[in-house]
Amino acid sequence: MQQKISLVELQHLSKLARLKLTSLEEQTYLPQIESVLEYMDILNETDTTSIEPLTQITGLKNITRNDEIKPSLDRSNALSSASKTTNGFVVVPNTIKK
């Protein structure tokens, strides 16, 4: 059987994933990845031409509502519960330091 992934490819993938693998880890993971890829070959042999693709399995639908224009609080009412305001705006603590 032909090897699915080489050590060089594993090292390249680990570099892309920003994983620092030791040589012992590489030797441990290489056969495991090989096994996964062999299983994927088995799955790829399955005829799925008559099966409709799924986007989700529960059958639930997104429940949305139409946007409707509704009256909102007037400014003075909205600002009345704020602990600190200035020029018609709520004053909040800085979250980003300069």
PDB file of N, CA and C in Angstrom:
ATOM      1  N   MET A   1       0.841  -1.183   0.000  1.00  0.00           N
ATOM      2  CA  MET A   1       0.000   0.000   0.000  1.00  0.00           C
ATOM      3  C   MET A   1       0.889   1.249   0.000  1.00  0.00           C
ATOM      4  N   GLN A   2       0.486   2.227  -0.780  1.00  0.00           N
ATOM      5  CA  GLN A   2       1.266   3.451  -0.913  1.00  0.00           C
ATOM      6  C   GLN A   2       1.081   4.337   0.315  1.00  0.00           C
ATOM      7  N   GLN A   3       2.168   4.943   0.747  1.00  0.00           N
ATOM      8  CA  GLN A   3       2.120   5.833   1.907  1.00  0.00           C
ATOM      9  C   GLN A   3       1.313   7.075   1.550  1.00  0.00           C
ATOM     10  N   LYS A   4       0.406   7.486   2.427  1.00  0.00           N
ATOM     11  CA  LYS A   4      -0.487   8.623   2.180  1.00  0.00           C
ATOM     12  C   LYS A   4       0.161   9.955   2.518  1.00  0.00           C
ATOM     13  N   ILE A   5       1.024   9.959   3.519  1.00  0.00           N
ATOM     14  CA  ILE A   5       1.641  11.207   3.960  1.00  0.00           C
ATOM     15  C   ILE A   5       3.084  10.924   4.364  1.00  0.00           C
ATOM     16  N   SER A   6       3.964  11.786   3.931  1.00  0.00           N
ATOM     17  CA  SER A   6       5.377  11.603   4.270  1.00  0.00           C
ATOM     18  C   SER A   6       5.723  12.421   5.511  1.00  0.00           C
ATOM     19  N   LEU A   7       6.875  12.139   6.046  1.00  0.00           N
ATOM     20  CA  LEU A   7       7.346  12.889   7.204  1.00  0.00           C
ATOM     21  C   LEU A   7       7.526  14.363   6.842  1.00  0.00           C
ATOM     22  N   VAL A   8       8.010  14.627   5.647  1.00  0.00           N
ATOM     23  CA  VAL A   8       8.200  16.014   5.192  1.00  0.00           C
ATOM     24  C   VAL A   8       6.846  16.734   5.113  1.00  0.00           C
ATOM     25  N   GLU A   9       5.816  16.047   4.620  1.00  0.00           N
ATOM     26  CA  GLU A   9       4.478  16.651   4.547  1.00  0.00           C
ATOM     27  C   GLU A   9       3.916  16.902   5.942  1.00  0.00           C
ATOM     28  N   LEU A  10       4.137  15.966   6.846  1.00  0.00           N
ATOM     29  CA  LEU A  10       3.698  16.148   8.229  1.00  0.00           C
ATOM     30  C   LEU A  10       4.390  17.353   8.856  1.00  0.00           C
ATOM     31  N   GLN A  11       5.672  17.486   8.626  1.00  0.00           N
ATOM     32  CA  GLN A  11       6.410  18.628   9.162  1.00  0.00           C
ATOM     33  C   GLN A  11       5.900  19.938   8.568  1.00  0.00           C
ATOM     34  N   HIS A  12       5.573  19.904   7.278  1.00  0.00           N
ATOM     35  CA  HIS A  12       5.027  21.103   6.629  1.00  0.00           C
ATOM     36  C   HIS A  12       3.661  21.461   7.223  1.00  0.00           C
ATOM     37  N   LEU A  13       2.805  20.465   7.404  1.00  0.00           N
ATOM     38  CA  LEU A  13       1.486  20.710   8.000  1.00  0.00           C
ATOM     39  C   LEU A  13       1.596  21.213   9.425  1.00  0.00           C
ATOM     40  N   SER A  14       2.508  20.655  10.192  1.00  0.00           N
ATOM     41  CA  SER A  14       2.660  21.112  11.578  1.00  0.00           C
ATOM     42  C   SER A  14       3.175  22.545  11.610  1.00  0.00           C
ATOM     43  N   LYS A  15       4.012  22.899  10.640  1.00  0.00           N
ATOM     44  CA  LYS A  15       4.492  24.280  10.564  1.00  0.00           C
ATOM     45  C   LYS A  15       3.342  25.220  10.224  1.00  0.00           C
ATOM     46  N   LEU A  16       2.498  24.824   9.261  1.00  0.00           N
ATOM     47  CA  LEU A  16       1.342  25.648   8.894  1.00  0.00           C
ATOM     48  C   LEU A  16       0.385  25.816  10.071  1.00  0.00           C
ATOM     49  N   ALA A  17       0.246  24.764  10.872  1.00  0.00           N
ATOM     50  CA  ALA A  17      -0.638  24.799  12.031  1.00  0.00           C
ATOM     51  C   ALA A  17       0.041  25.413  13.253  1.00  0.00           C
ATOM     52  N   ARG A  18       1.292  25.822  13.082  1.00  0.00           N
ATOM     53  CA  ARG A  18       2.087  26.410  14.154  1.00  0.00           C
ATOM     54  C   ARG A  18       2.212  25.466  15.354  1.00  0.00           C
ATOM     55  N   LEU A  19       2.427  24.195  15.030  1.00  0.00           N
ATOM     56  CA  LEU A  19       2.652  23.180  16.054  1.00  0.00           C
ATOM     57  C   LEU A  19       4.127  22.812  16.038  1.00  0.00           C
ATOM     58  N   LYS A  20       4.731  22.814  17.186  1.00  0.00           N
ATOM     59  CA  LYS A  20       6.129  22.401  17.293  1.00  0.00           C
ATOM     60  C   LYS A  20       6.150  20.961  17.787  1.00  0.00           C
ATOM     61  N   LEU A  21       6.327  20.046  16.840  1.00  0.00           N
ATOM     62  CA  LEU A  21       6.335  18.630  17.182  1.00  0.00           C
ATOM     63  C   LEU A  21       7.764  18.145  17.372  1.00  0.00           C
ATOM     64  N   THR A  22       7.950  17.342  18.392  1.00  0.00           N
ATOM     65  CA  THR A  22       9.245  16.692  18.576  1.00  0.00           C
ATOM     66  C   THR A  22       9.324  15.532  17.588  1.00  0.00           C
ATOM     67  N   SER A  23      10.503  14.991  17.400  1.00  0.00           N
ATOM     68  CA  SER A  23      10.640  13.859  16.475  1.00  0.00           C
ATOM     69  C   SER A  23       9.855  12.646  16.994  1.00  0.00           C
ATOM     70  N   LEU A  24       9.765  12.504  18.317  1.00  0.00           N
ATOM     71  CA  LEU A  24       8.975  11.409  18.884  1.00  0.00           C
ATOM     72  C   LEU A  24       7.490  11.608  18.563  1.00  0.00           C
ATOM     73  N   GLU A  25       7.007  12.839  18.678  1.00  0.00           N
ATOM     74  CA  GLU A  25       5.606  13.123  18.340  1.00  0.00           C
ATOM     75  C   GLU A  25       5.348  12.893  16.854  1.00  0.00           C
ATOM     76  N   GLU A  26       6.294  13.288  16.014  1.00  0.00           N
ATOM     77  CA  GLU A  26       6.133  13.054  14.578  1.00  0.00           C
ATOM     78  C   GLU A  26       5.999  11.562  14.288  1.00  0.00           C
ATOM     79  N   GLN A  27       6.841  10.766  14.921  1.00  0.00           N
ATOM     80  CA  GLN A  27       6.795   9.316  14.712  1.00  0.00           C
ATOM     81  C   GLN A  27       5.515   8.700  15.289  1.00  0.00           C
ATOM     82  N   THR A  28       4.964   9.328  16.314  1.00  0.00           N
ATOM     83  CA  THR A  28       3.710   8.851  16.904  1.00  0.00           C
ATOM     84  C   THR A  28       2.523   9.219  16.025  1.00  0.00           C
ATOM     85  N   TYR A  29       2.504  10.457  15.544  1.00  0.00           N
ATOM     86  CA  TYR A  29       1.350  10.957  14.788  1.00  0.00           C
ATOM     87  C   TYR A  29       1.314  10.480  13.343  1.00  0.00           C
ATOM     88  N   LEU A  30       2.448  10.216  12.755  1.00  0.00           N
ATOM     89  CA  LEU A  30       2.495   9.829  11.351  1.00  0.00           C
ATOM     90  C   LEU A  30       1.630   8.601  11.056  1.00  0.00           C
ATOM     91  N   PRO A  31       1.756   7.495  11.806  1.00  0.00           N
ATOM     92  CA  PRO A  31       0.881   6.345  11.519  1.00  0.00           C
ATOM     93  C   PRO A  31      -0.587   6.634  11.833  1.00  0.00           C
ATOM     94  N   GLN A  32      -0.841   7.483  12.805  1.00  0.00           N
ATOM     95  CA  GLN A  32      -2.228   7.821  13.132  1.00  0.00           C
ATOM     96  C   GLN A  32      -2.881   8.597  11.998  1.00  0.00           C
ATOM     97  N   ILE A  33      -2.155   9.565  11.449  1.00  0.00           N
ATOM     98  CA  ILE A  33      -2.678  10.341  10.322  1.00  0.00           C
ATOM     99  C   ILE A  33      -2.831   9.443   9.107  1.00  0.00           C
ATOM    100  N   GLU A  34      -1.879   8.556   8.913  1.00  0.00           N
ATOM    101  CA  GLU A  34      -1.953   7.587   7.817  1.00  0.00           C
ATOM    102  C   GLU A  34      -3.222   6.756   7.921  1.00  0.00           C
ATOM    103  N   SER A  35      -3.562   6.332   9.118  1.00  0.00           N
ATOM    104  CA  SER A  35      -4.769   5.541   9.349  1.00  0.00           C
ATOM    105  C   SER A  35      -6.028   6.337   9.030  1.00  0.00           C
ATOM    106  N   VAL A  36      -6.045   7.591   9.425  1.00  0.00           N
ATOM    107  CA  VAL A  36      -7.198   8.452   9.131  1.00  0.00           C
ATOM    108  C   VAL A  36      -7.355   8.625   7.624  1.00  0.00           C
ATOM    109  N   LEU A  37      -6.265   8.854   6.927  1.00  0.00           N
ATOM    110  CA  LEU A  37      -6.318   9.037   5.477  1.00  0.00           C
ATOM    111  C   LEU A  37      -6.764   7.765   4.762  1.00  0.00           C
ATOM    112  N   GLU A  38      -6.354   6.607   5.265  1.00  0.00           N
ATOM    113  CA  GLU A  38      -6.812   5.331   4.695  1.00  0.00           C
ATOM    114  C   GLU A  38      -8.318   5.180   4.887  1.00  0.00           C
ATOM    115  N   TYR A  39      -8.824   5.578   6.042  1.00  0.00           N
ATOM    116  CA  TYR A  39     -10.261   5.506   6.290  1.00  0.00           C
ATOM    117  C   TYR A  39     -11.015   6.456   5.369  1.00  0.00           C
ATOM    118  N   MET A  40     -10.433   7.624   5.103  1.00  0.00           N
ATOM    119  CA  MET A  40     -11.063   8.569   4.184  1.00  0.00           C
ATOM    120  C   MET A  40     -11.176   7.968   2.786  1.00  0.00           C
ATOM    121  N   ASP A  41     -10.184   7.174   2.373  1.00  0.00           N
ATOM    122  CA  ASP A  41     -10.261   6.485   1.087  1.00  0.00           C
ATOM    123  C   ASP A  41     -11.450   5.531   1.047  1.00  0.00           C
ATOM    124  N   ILE A  42     -11.674   4.829   2.145  1.00  0.00           N
ATOM    125  CA  ILE A  42     -12.820   3.915   2.220  1.00  0.00           C
ATOM    126  C   ILE A  42     -14.122   4.705   2.086  1.00  0.00           C
ATOM    127  N   LEU A  43     -14.210   5.828   2.799  1.00  0.00           N
ATOM    128  CA  LEU A  43     -15.417   6.652   2.711  1.00  0.00           C
ATOM    129  C   LEU A  43     -15.603   7.219   1.307  1.00  0.00           C
ATOM    130  N   ASN A  44     -14.532   7.569   0.640  1.00  0.00           N
ATOM    131  CA  ASN A  44     -14.619   8.123  -0.712  1.00  0.00           C
ATOM    132  C   ASN A  44     -15.114   7.103  -1.725  1.00  0.00           C
ATOM    133  N   GLU A  45     -14.984   5.822  -1.424  1.00  0.00           N
ATOM    134  CA  GLU A  45     -15.474   4.775  -2.325  1.00  0.00           C
ATOM    135  C   GLU A  45     -16.983   4.593  -2.236  1.00  0.00           C
ATOM    136  N   THR A  46     -17.607   5.129  -1.222  1.00  0.00           N
ATOM    137  CA  THR A  46     -19.049   4.989  -1.031  1.00  0.00           C
ATOM    138  C   THR A  46     -19.797   5.811  -2.062  1.00  0.00           C
ATOM    139  N   ASP A  47     -20.797   5.178  -2.700  1.00  0.00           N
ATOM    140  CA  ASP A  47     -21.600   5.868  -3.705  1.00  0.00           C
ATOM    141  C   ASP A  47     -22.626   6.760  -3.010  1.00  0.00           C
ATOM    142  N   THR A  48     -22.481   8.051  -3.182  1.00  0.00           N
ATOM    143  CA  THR A  48     -23.391   9.015  -2.558  1.00  0.00           C
ATOM    144  C   THR A  48     -24.175   9.822  -3.599  1.00  0.00           C
ATOM    145  N   THR A  49     -24.202   9.349  -4.836  1.00  0.00           N
ATOM    146  CA  THR A  49     -24.852  10.123  -5.898  1.00  0.00           C
ATOM    147  C   THR A  49     -26.348  10.298  -5.670  1.00  0.00           C
ATOM    148  N   SER A  50     -26.997   9.356  -5.007  1.00  0.00           N
ATOM    149  CA  SER A  50     -28.450   9.465  -4.804  1.00  0.00           C
ATOM    150  C   SER A  50     -28.804  10.080  -3.451  1.00  0.00           C
ATOM    151  N   ILE A  51     -27.814  10.561  -2.726  1.00  0.00           N
ATOM    152  CA  ILE A  51     -28.062  11.130  -1.406  1.00  0.00           C
ATOM    153  C   ILE A  51     -27.997  12.642  -1.489  1.00  0.00           C
ATOM    154  N   GLU A  52     -29.057  13.272  -0.986  1.00  0.00           N
ATOM    155  CA  GLU A  52     -29.121  14.728  -1.005  1.00  0.00           C
ATOM    156  C   GLU A  52     -28.191  15.307   0.064  1.00  0.00           C
ATOM    157  N   PRO A  53     -27.422  16.335  -0.299  1.00  0.00           N
ATOM    158  CA  PRO A  53     -26.523  16.943   0.690  1.00  0.00           C
ATOM    159  C   PRO A  53     -27.299  17.571   1.843  1.00  0.00           C
ATOM    160  N   LEU A  54     -26.706  17.540   3.026  1.00  0.00           N
ATOM    161  CA  LEU A  54     -27.310  18.136   4.215  1.00  0.00           C
ATOM    162  C   LEU A  54     -26.531  19.371   4.634  1.00  0.00           C
ATOM    163  N   THR A  55     -27.250  20.371   5.098  1.00  0.00           N
ATOM    164  CA  THR A  55     -26.585  21.517   5.701  1.00  0.00           C
ATOM    165  C   THR A  55     -26.695  21.451   7.212  1.00  0.00           C
ATOM    166  N   GLN A  56     -27.706  20.752   7.693  1.00  0.00           N
ATOM    167  CA  GLN A  56     -27.853  20.472   9.117  1.00  0.00           C
ATOM    168  C   GLN A  56     -28.787  19.294   9.264  1.00  0.00           C
ATOM    169  N   ILE A  57     -28.782  18.621  10.404  1.00  0.00           N
ATOM    170  CA  ILE A  57     -29.481  17.339  10.521  1.00  0.00           C
ATOM    171  C   ILE A  57     -30.739  17.375  11.376  1.00  0.00           C
ATOM    172  N   THR A  58     -31.009  18.469  12.066  1.00  0.00           N
ATOM    173  CA  THR A  58     -32.127  18.470  13.006  1.00  0.00           C
ATOM    174  C   THR A  58     -33.465  18.792  12.364  1.00  0.00           C
ATOM    175  N   GLY A  59     -33.453  19.428  11.199  1.00  0.00           N
ATOM    176  CA  GLY A  59     -34.701  19.813  10.561  1.00  0.00           C
ATOM    177  C   GLY A  59     -35.247  21.131  11.076  1.00  0.00           C
ATOM    178  N   LEU A  60     -34.553  21.731  12.040  1.00  0.00           N
ATOM    179  CA  LEU A  60     -35.013  23.004  12.568  1.00  0.00           C
ATOM    180  C   LEU A  60     -34.765  24.112  11.560  1.00  0.00           C
ATOM    181  N   LYS A  61     -35.622  25.094  11.574  1.00  0.00           N
ATOM    182  CA  LYS A  61     -35.475  26.234  10.683  1.00  0.00           C
ATOM    183  C   LYS A  61     -35.191  27.474  11.514  1.00  0.00           C
ATOM    184  N   ASN A  62     -34.495  28.410  10.901  1.00  0.00           N
ATOM    185  CA  ASN A  62     -34.231  29.673  11.558  1.00  0.00           C
ATOM    186  C   ASN A  62     -35.538  30.454  11.675  1.00  0.00           C
ATOM    187  N   ILE A  63     -35.852  30.913  12.851  1.00  0.00           N
ATOM    188  CA  ILE A  63     -37.072  31.682  13.056  1.00  0.00           C
ATOM    189  C   ILE A  63     -36.684  33.152  13.101  1.00  0.00           C
ATOM    190  N   THR A  64     -37.153  33.878  12.138  1.00  0.00           N
ATOM    191  CA  THR A  64     -36.842  35.298  12.080  1.00  0.00           C
ATOM    192  C   THR A  64     -38.141  36.079  12.027  1.00  0.00           C
ATOM    193  N   ARG A  65     -38.053  37.336  12.316  1.00  0.00           N
ATOM    194  CA  ARG A  65     -39.225  38.191  12.238  1.00  0.00           C
ATOM    195  C   ARG A  65     -38.933  39.312  11.255  1.00  0.00           C
ATOM    196  N   ASN A  66     -39.965  39.894  10.722  1.00  0.00           N
ATOM    197  CA  ASN A  66     -39.803  41.030   9.829  1.00  0.00           C
ATOM    198  C   ASN A  66     -39.392  42.249  10.636  1.00  0.00           C
ATOM    199  N   ASP A  67     -38.536  43.064  10.041  1.00  0.00           N
ATOM    200  CA  ASP A  67     -38.168  44.314  10.687  1.00  0.00           C
ATOM    201  C   ASP A  67     -39.353  45.262  10.630  1.00  0.00           C
ATOM    202  N   GLU A  68     -39.673  45.824  11.760  1.00  0.00           N
ATOM    203  CA  GLU A  68     -40.763  46.785  11.828  1.00  0.00           C
ATOM    204  C   GLU A  68     -40.266  48.035  12.535  1.00  0.00           C
ATOM    205  N   ILE A  69     -40.651  49.155  12.014  1.00  0.00           N
ATOM    206  CA  ILE A  69     -40.293  50.408  12.659  1.00  0.00           C
ATOM    207  C   ILE A  69     -41.213  50.593  13.852  1.00  0.00           C
ATOM    208  N   LYS A  70     -40.609  50.760  15.016  1.00  0.00           N
ATOM    209  CA  LYS A  70     -41.365  50.957  16.245  1.00  0.00           C
ATOM    210  C   LYS A  70     -40.785  52.168  16.964  1.00  0.00           C
ATOM    211  N   PRO A  71     -41.606  52.836  17.724  1.00  0.00           N
ATOM    212  CA  PRO A  71     -41.081  53.986  18.461  1.00  0.00           C
ATOM    213  C   PRO A  71     -40.060  53.531  19.511  1.00  0.00           C
ATOM    214  N   SER A  72     -39.032  54.352  19.715  1.00  0.00           N
ATOM    215  CA  SER A  72     -38.016  54.030  20.707  1.00  0.00           C
ATOM    216  C   SER A  72     -38.072  55.078  21.814  1.00  0.00           C
ATOM    217  N   LEU A  73     -37.211  54.911  22.803  1.00  0.00           N
ATOM    218  CA  LEU A  73     -37.166  55.865  23.903  1.00  0.00           C
ATOM    219  C   LEU A  73     -36.712  57.222  23.396  1.00  0.00           C
ATOM    220  N   ASP A  74     -37.282  58.258  23.964  1.00  0.00           N
ATOM    221  CA  ASP A  74     -36.739  59.565  23.614  1.00  0.00           C
ATOM    222  C   ASP A  74     -35.426  59.742  24.374  1.00  0.00           C
ATOM    223  N   ARG A  75     -34.599  60.660  23.902  1.00  0.00           N
ATOM    224  CA  ARG A  75     -33.241  60.820  24.419  1.00  0.00           C
ATOM    225  C   ARG A  75     -33.227  61.087  25.921  1.00  0.00           C
ATOM    226  N   SER A  76     -34.061  61.974  26.398  1.00  0.00           N
ATOM    227  CA  SER A  76     -34.027  62.312  27.823  1.00  0.00           C
ATOM    228  C   SER A  76     -34.402  61.106  28.684  1.00  0.00           C
ATOM    229  N   ASN A  77     -35.341  60.309  28.210  1.00  0.00           N
ATOM    230  CA  ASN A  77     -35.745  59.100  28.930  1.00  0.00           C
ATOM    231  C   ASN A  77     -34.605  58.074  28.940  1.00  0.00           C
ATOM    232  N   ALA A  78     -33.937  57.926  27.809  1.00  0.00           N
ATOM    233  CA  ALA A  78     -32.838  56.963  27.716  1.00  0.00           C
ATOM    234  C   ALA A  78     -31.662  57.394  28.584  1.00  0.00           C
ATOM    235  N   LEU A  79     -31.373  58.690  28.621  1.00  0.00           N
ATOM    236  CA  LEU A  79     -30.237  59.183  29.389  1.00  0.00           C
ATOM    237  C   LEU A  79     -30.521  59.299  30.880  1.00  0.00           C
ATOM    238  N   SER A  80     -31.780  59.213  31.266  1.00  0.00           N
ATOM    239  CA  SER A  80     -32.142  59.429  32.671  1.00  0.00           C
ATOM    240  C   SER A  80     -31.556  58.372  33.614  1.00  0.00           C
ATOM    241  N   SER A  81     -31.301  57.169  33.112  1.00  0.00           N
ATOM    242  CA  SER A  81     -30.769  56.127  33.998  1.00  0.00           C
ATOM    243  C   SER A  81     -29.244  56.018  33.912  1.00  0.00           C
ATOM    244  N   ALA A  82     -28.613  56.799  33.066  1.00  0.00           N
ATOM    245  CA  ALA A  82     -27.150  56.748  32.952  1.00  0.00           C
ATOM    246  C   ALA A  82     -26.519  57.459  34.143  1.00  0.00           C
ATOM    247  N   SER A  83     -25.425  56.901  34.644  1.00  0.00           N
ATOM    248  CA  SER A  83     -24.774  57.514  35.795  1.00  0.00           C
ATOM    249  C   SER A  83     -24.036  58.792  35.409  1.00  0.00           C
ATOM    250  N   LYS A  84     -23.567  58.883  34.159  1.00  0.00           N
ATOM    251  CA  LYS A  84     -22.859  60.083  33.727  1.00  0.00           C
ATOM    252  C   LYS A  84     -23.160  60.341  32.259  1.00  0.00           C
ATOM    253  N   THR A  85     -23.481  61.586  31.936  1.00  0.00           N
ATOM    254  CA  THR A  85     -23.744  61.964  30.549  1.00  0.00           C
ATOM    255  C   THR A  85     -23.025  63.269  30.237  1.00  0.00           C
ATOM    256  N   THR A  86     -22.816  63.503  28.958  1.00  0.00           N
ATOM    257  CA  THR A  86     -22.271  64.781  28.515  1.00  0.00           C
ATOM    258  C   THR A  86     -22.743  65.038  27.088  1.00  0.00           C
ATOM    259  N   ASN A  87     -23.211  66.235  26.836  1.00  0.00           N
ATOM    260  CA  ASN A  87     -23.692  66.657  25.516  1.00  0.00           C
ATOM    261  C   ASN A  87     -24.681  65.671  24.891  1.00  0.00           C
ATOM    262  N   GLY A  88     -25.527  65.092  25.696  1.00  0.00           N
ATOM    263  CA  GLY A  88     -26.557  64.177  25.189  1.00  0.00           C
ATOM    264  C   GLY A  88     -26.084  62.762  24.934  1.00  0.00           C
ATOM    265  N   PHE A  89     -24.921  62.391  25.446  1.00  0.00           N
ATOM    266  CA  PHE A  89     -24.389  61.040  25.273  1.00  0.00           C
ATOM    267  C   PHE A  89     -24.070  60.430  26.631  1.00  0.00           C
ATOM    268  N   VAL A  90     -24.077  59.098  26.698  1.00  0.00           N
ATOM    269  CA  VAL A  90     -23.688  58.382  27.911  1.00  0.00           C
ATOM    270  C   VAL A  90     -22.173  58.326  27.959  1.00  0.00           C
ATOM    271  N   VAL A  91     -21.583  58.636  29.093  1.00  0.00           N
ATOM    272  CA  VAL A  91     -20.135  58.558  29.280  1.00  0.00           C
ATOM    273  C   VAL A  91     -19.817  57.223  29.927  1.00  0.00           C
ATOM    274  N   VAL A  92     -18.897  56.478  29.306  1.00  0.00           N
ATOM    275  CA  VAL A  92     -18.492  55.176  29.818  1.00  0.00           C
ATOM    276  C   VAL A  92     -16.970  55.171  30.000  1.00  0.00           C
ATOM    277  N   PRO A  93     -16.450  54.256  30.828  1.00  0.00           N
ATOM    278  CA  PRO A  93     -14.992  54.184  31.009  1.00  0.00           C
ATOM    279  C   PRO A  93     -14.308  53.768  29.703  1.00  0.00           C
ATOM    280  N   ASN A  94     -13.068  54.248  29.522  1.00  0.00           N
ATOM    281  CA  ASN A  94     -12.283  53.840  28.342  1.00  0.00           C
ATOM    282  C   ASN A  94     -12.039  52.345  28.396  1.00  0.00           C
ATOM    283  N   THR A  95     -12.162  51.699  27.246  1.00  0.00           N
ATOM    284  CA  THR A  95     -11.858  50.269  27.171  1.00  0.00           C
ATOM    285  C   THR A  95     -10.583  50.013  26.408  1.00  0.00           C
ATOM    286  N   ILE A  96     -10.137  50.991  25.636  1.00  0.00           N
ATOM    287  CA  ILE A  96      -8.895  50.865  24.878  1.00  0.00           C
ATOM    288  C   ILE A  96      -7.954  51.950  25.358  1.00  0.00           C
ATOM    289  N   LYS A  97      -6.796  51.527  25.800  1.00  0.00           N
ATOM    290  CA  LYS A  97      -5.787  52.479  26.300  1.00  0.00           C
ATOM    291  C   LYS A  97      -4.982  53.009  25.123  1.00  0.00           C
ATOM    292  N   LYS A  98      -4.630  54.279  25.186  1.00  0.00           N
ATOM    293  CA  LYS A  98      -3.808  54.868  24.121  1.00  0.00           C
ATOM    294  C   LYS A  98      -2.351  54.675  24.425  1.00  0.00           C
TER     295      LYS A  98
END
